Protein backbone atom coordinates (compact mmCIF):
# COMPACT_ATOMS: atom_id res chain seq x y z
CA MET A 1 94.52 96.87 103.56
CA PRO A 2 91.79 99.00 102.86
CA THR A 3 90.91 102.15 105.17
CA THR A 4 87.90 101.07 107.28
CA ALA A 5 84.74 102.83 107.18
CA LEU A 6 85.48 104.94 110.92
CA ASN A 7 89.04 106.05 109.30
CA GLY A 8 86.80 107.27 106.49
CA GLY A 9 84.68 109.36 108.18
CA ALA A 10 81.67 107.37 109.14
CA ASP A 11 80.11 107.85 112.41
CA ILE A 12 79.38 104.79 112.81
CA SER A 13 79.95 101.22 111.77
CA ILE A 14 78.48 97.24 112.61
CA CYS A 15 81.14 95.09 112.35
CA SER A 16 80.19 91.70 111.72
CA ALA A 17 81.97 89.46 114.29
CA HIS A 18 81.39 86.12 113.57
CA LYS A 19 82.45 87.12 109.72
CA THR A 20 85.53 89.24 110.63
CA LEU A 21 86.48 87.48 114.03
CA GLY A 22 86.10 84.35 113.56
CA SER A 23 83.33 84.12 116.51
CA ILE A 24 81.13 80.96 116.42
CA GLN A 25 77.53 82.71 115.99
CA ALA A 26 76.03 85.52 114.19
CA THR A 27 77.20 88.47 116.44
CA ALA A 28 77.96 92.14 115.51
CA LEU A 29 79.93 95.09 117.07
CA ILE A 30 78.75 98.51 117.31
CA ASN A 31 81.48 100.93 117.05
CA VAL A 32 81.01 104.69 117.57
CA GLY A 33 83.78 106.77 115.86
CA LYS A 34 86.15 109.39 118.24
CA ASN A 35 84.88 112.44 116.09
CA SER A 36 81.45 111.25 115.75
CA ILE A 37 78.92 113.39 115.75
CA ILE A 38 76.48 110.98 117.38
CA ASN A 39 75.95 110.78 120.86
CA PRO A 40 77.85 107.32 122.12
CA GLN A 41 75.30 107.40 125.33
CA LYS A 42 72.79 107.81 122.95
CA VAL A 43 73.62 104.65 120.78
CA LYS A 44 73.91 102.69 124.11
CA ASP A 45 70.70 103.87 125.23
CA ALA A 46 68.87 103.26 122.15
CA PHE A 47 70.98 99.87 122.04
CA TYR A 48 69.18 98.82 125.75
CA LEU A 49 65.99 99.78 124.72
CA MET A 50 65.84 97.07 121.79
CA ASN A 51 68.40 94.48 123.25
CA THR A 52 66.83 91.48 125.25
CA SER A 53 66.77 91.41 129.10
CA SER A 54 68.51 88.22 129.13
CA PRO A 55 71.79 88.09 126.82
CA ASN A 56 73.50 84.64 126.12
CA ALA A 57 76.59 84.73 127.84
CA MET A 58 77.97 82.17 125.79
CA LEU A 59 78.10 84.39 122.89
CA LEU A 60 79.16 87.62 124.96
CA ALA A 61 82.18 85.90 126.15
CA ASP A 62 82.89 84.47 122.18
CA VAL A 63 82.75 87.69 120.92
CA GLU A 64 84.73 89.69 124.39
CA SER A 65 87.41 86.35 123.25
CA SER A 66 87.10 87.01 119.45
CA VAL A 67 87.81 90.93 120.68
CA VAL A 68 90.84 90.12 122.79
CA THR A 69 92.79 87.45 120.26
CA MET A 70 92.28 90.68 117.64
CA VAL A 71 94.15 92.88 119.94
CA ASN A 72 96.67 90.67 121.01
CA GLU A 73 97.32 88.61 117.92
CA GLY A 74 95.61 90.76 115.08
CA GLU A 75 98.79 91.84 113.47
CA TYR A 76 100.20 88.11 112.68
CA ARG A 77 97.19 86.53 112.17
CA LEU A 78 96.39 89.51 109.68
CA ALA A 79 99.99 89.03 108.10
CA LYS A 80 99.85 85.52 107.78
CA VAL A 81 96.18 85.42 105.91
CA ILE A 82 97.35 87.84 103.46
CA GLN A 83 100.66 86.24 103.24
CA TYR A 84 98.36 82.91 102.15
CA ASN A 85 96.45 85.02 100.05
CA THR A 86 99.04 86.15 97.88
CA TYR A 87 100.71 82.52 97.71
CA PHE A 88 97.88 80.84 96.69
CA ARG A 89 96.72 83.96 93.80
CA GLN A 90 100.05 83.35 92.66
CA ARG A 91 99.33 80.18 91.83
CA LEU A 92 96.17 80.66 90.21
């Protein structure tokens, strides 16, 4: 697998959860690197400044569920996707 943006030295990355984690709607995660020169609290403050005061609980629960699934089953699921990809590519 390719290096992630954060492992490649980025200070911040945005993850499209509906594309990478399988959440049901257009949602995203903001990731701040451990060694980032960006203050995570400033990112959080800016997010809250631009965010709605009435977040959609269903979307938040779905993103959280998707993250938990990847934490618990992500290695297995990614291995299966790679296995299927290899299988189908060999048959092309």
